[in-house]
Amino acid sequence: MNIIVIPAINSSPKKSAIFYFDGGPGIGTTKNLDFFSAKENPYRQNHDLVLVDVRGTGGSNPLHCFSLQNQMGLAQQFDEHNPRTEMYPVDEVKGCYDSLSRLADLTQYTTTNIVHDMEEVRRWLGYEDSLVWLILWLSFSTGIYA
């Protein structure tokens, strides 16, 4: 698992760490290092920031289905005469699943396992508690994490 810890600017009193991770598909968080490590970043003033590329993203065994990545511009995507108007055609999704299944055990890439990973990282880093900042699937993951 690819993890970067950015220490708080003010070391006392130290507040809870903020864990930040993107969802997907396939978006890693550590690519945002420049933004989060800036000294003027308000999140960093009193909190350590923990950037995590969760399973299947960024530097943590990324899983990509290049055939499903849309290379069209917005005008083409919404053109009713475009033969590919369905964002995720069933046959392409099945093909993606089959190809990724040869690379990884996809049953291990679940929200529940990601939450377990975050808890293990939190304990390993020695944080008693943390704030979890989730992007894209906030309410679902937060409910599981709580």
Protein backbone atom coordinates (compact mmCIF):
# COMPACT_ATOMS: atom_id res chain seq x y z
CA MET A 1 0.00 0.00 0.00
CA ASN A 2 1.36 3.39 -1.02
CA ILE A 3 1.21 5.82 1.94
CA ILE A 4 2.67 9.29 2.52
CA VAL A 5 2.57 10.99 5.95
CA ILE A 6 2.86 14.78 5.92
CA PRO A 7 3.57 16.12 9.43
CA ALA A 8 1.55 18.96 10.90
CA ILE A 9 3.18 22.41 10.84
CA ASN A 10 2.33 23.03 14.51
CA SER A 11 3.38 20.09 16.63
CA SER A 12 1.46 21.01 19.77
CA PRO A 13 -1.21 20.55 20.61
CA LYS A 14 -1.38 17.89 17.96
CA LYS A 15 -4.87 17.02 16.80
CA SER A 16 -6.17 13.88 15.13
CA ALA A 17 -4.55 12.83 11.88
CA ILE A 18 -6.53 13.38 8.71
CA PHE A 19 -6.62 10.38 6.41
CA TYR A 20 -7.31 11.33 2.84
CA PHE A 21 -8.02 8.92 0.02
CA ASP A 22 -9.78 9.13 -3.28
CA GLY A 23 -12.20 6.59 -4.55
CA GLY A 24 -12.07 5.56 -8.09
CA PRO A 25 -12.06 4.31 -10.44
CA GLY A 26 -8.32 3.94 -10.00
CA ILE A 27 -7.53 7.42 -8.71
CA GLY A 28 -4.56 7.51 -6.36
CA THR A 29 -4.26 10.13 -3.63
CA THR A 30 -0.50 10.47 -3.32
CA LYS A 31 -0.49 12.34 -6.63
CA ASN A 32 -1.84 15.28 -4.60
CA LEU A 33 1.32 15.52 -2.50
CA ASP A 34 2.17 19.03 -3.70
CA PHE A 35 -1.23 20.40 -2.70
CA PHE A 36 -1.30 18.79 0.74
CA SER A 37 2.34 19.44 1.65
CA ALA A 38 2.15 23.20 1.04
CA LYS A 39 2.89 25.10 4.27
CA GLU A 40 -0.13 27.35 3.73
CA ASN A 41 -2.49 24.39 3.48
CA PRO A 42 -4.98 24.87 6.34
CA TYR A 43 -5.52 21.15 6.81
CA ARG A 44 -1.87 20.70 7.67
CA GLN A 45 -1.57 23.41 10.31
CA ASN A 46 -2.57 21.24 13.28
CA HIS A 47 -3.05 17.79 11.77
CA ASP A 48 -0.73 15.21 10.29
CA LEU A 49 -2.05 14.32 6.85
CA VAL A 50 -1.98 10.70 5.75
CA LEU A 51 -2.36 10.21 2.00
CA VAL A 52 -3.26 6.67 1.04
CA ASP A 53 -3.51 5.05 -2.37
CA VAL A 54 -6.12 2.43 -1.53
CA ARG A 55 -6.20 -1.03 -3.09
CA GLY A 56 -6.30 -0.87 -6.86
CA THR A 57 -5.35 2.83 -7.12
CA GLY A 58 -2.24 4.94 -7.67
CA GLY A 59 0.83 3.12 -6.34
CA SER A 60 -1.16 0.32 -4.66
CA ASN A 61 -1.48 -2.27 -7.43
CA PRO A 62 -3.56 -0.05 -9.73
CA LEU A 63 -6.29 -1.80 -11.67
CA HIS A 64 -7.15 -0.11 -14.95
CA CYS A 65 -9.57 -0.92 -17.73
CA PHE A 66 -8.25 1.19 -20.54
CA SER A 67 -11.04 0.09 -22.87
CA LEU A 68 -13.54 1.80 -20.56
CA GLN A 69 -11.69 5.09 -20.26
CA ASN A 70 -13.53 7.66 -22.30
CA GLN A 71 -11.26 9.44 -24.77
CA MET A 72 -14.02 11.56 -26.29
CA GLY A 73 -14.67 15.22 -25.58
CA LEU A 74 -17.89 16.30 -23.89
CA ALA A 75 -19.55 17.26 -27.19
CA GLN A 76 -18.90 13.77 -28.57
CA GLN A 77 -20.09 12.08 -25.39
CA PHE A 78 -23.45 13.80 -25.57
CA ASP A 79 -23.90 13.52 -29.34
CA GLU A 80 -26.98 11.36 -29.88
CA HIS A 81 -25.49 10.14 -33.18
CA ASN A 82 -22.38 8.79 -31.48
CA PRO A 83 -22.49 4.98 -31.61
CA ARG A 84 -21.05 4.75 -28.10
CA THR A 85 -23.55 6.54 -25.91
CA GLU A 86 -23.50 4.01 -23.10
CA MET A 87 -20.80 4.89 -20.59
CA TYR A 88 -20.08 1.31 -19.49
CA PRO A 89 -21.19 -1.18 -22.16
CA VAL A 90 -21.92 -4.55 -20.56
CA ASP A 91 -19.62 -6.52 -22.87
CA GLU A 92 -16.69 -4.19 -22.19
CA VAL A 93 -17.27 -4.35 -18.43
CA LYS A 94 -17.29 -8.15 -18.58
CA GLY A 95 -14.09 -8.09 -20.63
CA CYS A 96 -12.48 -5.76 -18.13
CA TYR A 97 -13.51 -8.00 -15.23
CA ASP A 98 -12.09 -11.06 -16.99
CA SER A 99 -8.75 -9.39 -17.74
CA LEU A 100 -8.37 -7.94 -14.23
CA SER A 101 -9.32 -11.27 -12.67
CA ARG A 102 -6.19 -12.73 -14.21
CA LEU A 103 -4.11 -10.08 -12.41
CA ALA A 104 -5.72 -9.86 -8.98
CA ASP A 105 -8.27 -11.46 -6.68
CA LEU A 106 -11.03 -8.91 -7.23
CA THR A 107 -12.98 -10.14 -4.20
CA GLN A 108 -10.35 -8.38 -2.08
CA TYR A 109 -11.03 -4.94 -3.58
CA THR A 110 -14.02 -4.00 -1.46
CA THR A 111 -14.97 -0.97 0.60
CA THR A 112 -14.97 -3.10 3.75
CA ASN A 113 -11.39 -4.25 3.10
CA ILE A 114 -10.29 -0.68 2.38
CA VAL A 115 -11.74 0.40 5.73
CA HIS A 116 -9.89 -2.45 7.46
CA ASP A 117 -6.70 -1.34 5.70
CA MET A 118 -7.17 2.23 6.95
CA GLU A 119 -7.65 1.04 10.50
CA GLU A 120 -4.52 -1.13 10.30
CA VAL A 121 -2.51 1.81 8.91
CA ARG A 122 -3.86 4.10 11.66
CA ARG A 123 -2.77 1.66 14.37
CA TRP A 124 0.60 0.96 12.69
CA LEU A 125 1.35 4.70 12.53
CA GLY A 126 0.40 5.06 16.21
CA TYR A 127 -2.56 7.41 15.87
CA GLU A 128 -5.11 6.96 18.64
CA ASP A 129 -7.84 8.43 16.51
CA SER A 130 -8.18 10.04 13.14
CA LEU A 131 -10.44 12.06 10.96
CA VAL A 132 -11.23 10.25 7.75
CA TRP A 133 -11.75 12.43 4.73
CA LEU A 134 -13.24 10.43 1.92
CA ILE A 135 -13.94 11.59 -1.58
CA LEU A 136 -16.68 10.23 -3.86
CA TRP A 137 -18.15 7.56 -1.62
CA LEU A 138 -18.28 9.53 1.60
CA SER A 139 -21.45 8.35 3.26
CA PHE A 140 -21.07 4.66 2.41
CA SER A 141 -17.46 4.34 3.61
CA THR A 142 -18.01 6.51 6.64
CA GLY A 143 -20.87 4.26 7.70
CA ILE A 144 -18.64 1.23 7.43
CA TYR A 145 -15.68 2.95 9.14
CA ALA A 146 -17.81 4.10 12.05
